[in-house]
């Protein structure tokens, strides 16, 4: 079971490093503007947040979730449950990374279109 738990940890480290890299790249480009965070299905911006909140909130939540999953994966479980838990951890890590990358890309594209930053 230890191998499955470590494999899940590696997947989360990869996802968190991707999210951290995207946030760091965007942090250097965005200065004193409110960053779009939430959009309606029609594409209209619903909510903007300060740079720190916009770029760090999802990675922070993902990190806290990964810690909880890390603790849960260390419990003694059956092999089938361990494999299912590994799959859940892998899928969640991928979802969080893709959502964050999409959010950062969309926010930067919108800020460029508005003329608030230059890439």
Protein backbone atom coordinates (compact mmCIF):
# COMPACT_ATOMS: atom_id res chain seq x y z
CA UNK A 1 0.00 0.00 0.00
CA UNK A 2 2.90 2.33 0.58
CA UNK A 3 3.81 2.35 -3.11
CA UNK A 4 0.30 3.44 -4.13
CA UNK A 5 0.32 6.24 -1.55
CA UNK A 6 3.71 7.50 -2.72
CA UNK A 7 2.59 7.37 -6.35
CA UNK A 8 -0.43 9.49 -5.45
CA UNK A 9 1.86 11.94 -3.64
CA UNK A 10 4.04 12.25 -6.75
CA UNK A 11 1.02 13.00 -8.93
CA UNK A 12 -0.12 15.72 -6.52
CA UNK A 13 3.38 17.21 -6.41
CA UNK A 14 3.38 17.42 -10.19
CA UNK A 15 -0.05 19.07 -10.27
CA UNK A 16 0.84 21.54 -7.52
CA UNK A 17 4.13 22.44 -9.21
CA UNK A 18 2.31 23.10 -12.50
CA UNK A 19 -0.20 25.30 -10.69
CA UNK A 20 2.54 27.11 -8.80
CA UNK A 21 4.50 27.71 -12.00
CA UNK A 22 1.47 29.13 -13.78
CA UNK A 23 0.69 31.40 -10.85
CA UNK A 24 4.28 32.61 -10.62
CA UNK A 25 4.40 33.37 -14.34
CA UNK A 26 1.12 35.29 -14.17
CA UNK A 27 2.20 37.07 -10.97
CA UNK A 28 5.08 38.73 -12.83
CA UNK A 29 2.81 39.94 -15.62
CA UNK A 30 -0.08 41.23 -13.51
CA UNK A 31 0.55 44.34 -11.45
CA UNK A 32 -2.02 46.65 -9.87
CA UNK A 33 -5.21 45.37 -11.49
CA UNK A 34 -8.09 43.23 -10.36
CA UNK A 35 -7.78 39.82 -11.98
CA UNK A 36 -10.88 38.14 -13.45
CA UNK A 37 -11.68 34.98 -11.50
CA UNK A 38 -15.23 33.93 -12.35
CA UNK A 39 -17.10 34.12 -15.65
CA UNK A 40 -20.69 33.51 -16.66
CA UNK A 41 -21.46 30.91 -19.35
CA UNK A 42 -21.90 33.78 -21.81
CA UNK A 43 -18.33 34.94 -21.11
CA UNK A 44 -19.08 38.01 -19.03
CA UNK A 45 -16.83 38.56 -16.02
CA UNK A 46 -18.77 38.01 -12.80
CA UNK A 47 -16.04 38.51 -10.21
CA UNK A 48 -12.58 40.05 -10.04
CA UNK A 49 -10.14 39.67 -7.18
CA UNK A 50 -6.79 41.10 -6.14
CA UNK A 51 -3.76 39.41 -7.65
CA UNK A 52 -2.89 37.37 -4.55
CA UNK A 53 -6.41 36.00 -4.13
CA UNK A 54 -6.89 35.29 -7.82
CA UNK A 55 -3.60 33.47 -8.34
CA UNK A 56 -3.18 31.70 -5.00
CA UNK A 57 -6.64 30.65 -3.83
CA UNK A 58 -7.12 27.58 -6.03
CA UNK A 59 -3.56 26.26 -5.55
CA UNK A 60 -3.90 26.77 -1.78
CA UNK A 61 -7.20 24.89 -1.68
CA UNK A 62 -5.69 22.13 -3.82
CA UNK A 63 -2.70 21.90 -1.47
CA UNK A 64 -4.95 21.56 1.57
CA UNK A 65 -7.02 18.90 -0.20
CA UNK A 66 -3.84 17.05 -1.14
CA UNK A 67 -2.76 17.02 2.51
CA UNK A 68 -6.08 15.55 3.56
CA UNK A 69 -5.86 12.92 0.82
CA UNK A 70 -2.27 12.17 1.86
CA UNK A 71 -3.40 11.42 5.41
CA UNK A 72 -6.31 9.32 4.21
CA UNK A 73 -4.10 7.32 1.84
CA UNK A 74 -1.84 6.27 4.74
CA UNK A 75 -4.61 4.36 6.51
CA UNK A 76 -4.41 0.59 6.23
CA UNK A 77 -6.83 -0.40 3.47
CA UNK A 78 -7.51 -3.29 1.16
CA UNK A 79 -5.63 -3.40 -2.15
CA UNK A 80 -8.78 -2.63 -4.16
CA UNK A 81 -9.56 0.40 -1.97
CA UNK A 82 -5.94 1.55 -2.31
CA UNK A 83 -6.14 1.41 -6.09
CA UNK A 84 -9.46 3.29 -6.09
CA UNK A 85 -8.00 5.94 -3.77
CA UNK A 86 -4.98 6.31 -6.07
CA UNK A 87 -7.31 6.81 -9.06
CA UNK A 88 -9.33 9.42 -7.15
CA UNK A 89 -6.17 11.26 -6.16
CA UNK A 90 -4.83 11.18 -9.73
CA UNK A 91 -8.08 12.44 -11.24
CA UNK A 92 -8.47 15.24 -8.69
CA UNK A 93 -4.87 16.37 -9.17
CA UNK A 94 -5.35 16.53 -12.94
CA UNK A 95 -8.68 18.37 -12.65
CA UNK A 96 -7.26 21.02 -10.33
CA UNK A 97 -4.22 21.58 -12.56
CA UNK A 98 -6.30 21.91 -15.73
CA UNK A 99 -8.86 24.21 -14.10
CA UNK A 100 -6.14 26.47 -12.73
CA UNK A 101 -4.26 26.63 -16.03
CA UNK A 102 -7.50 27.45 -17.85
CA UNK A 103 -8.40 30.12 -15.33
CA UNK A 104 -4.98 31.79 -15.51
CA UNK A 105 -4.93 31.68 -19.33
CA UNK A 106 -8.41 33.12 -19.60
CA UNK A 107 -7.68 35.88 -17.08
CA UNK A 108 -4.44 36.89 -18.81
CA UNK A 109 -6.09 36.89 -22.23
CA UNK A 110 -8.90 39.08 -20.93
CA UNK A 111 -6.51 41.52 -19.26
CA UNK A 112 -4.49 41.79 -22.48
CA UNK A 113 -7.67 42.39 -24.50
CA UNK A 114 -8.66 45.13 -22.05
CA UNK A 115 -5.22 46.73 -22.39
CA UNK A 116 -4.46 46.42 -18.68
CA UNK A 117 -1.29 44.34 -19.14
CA UNK A 118 1.19 43.67 -21.92
CA UNK A 119 2.54 40.23 -22.56
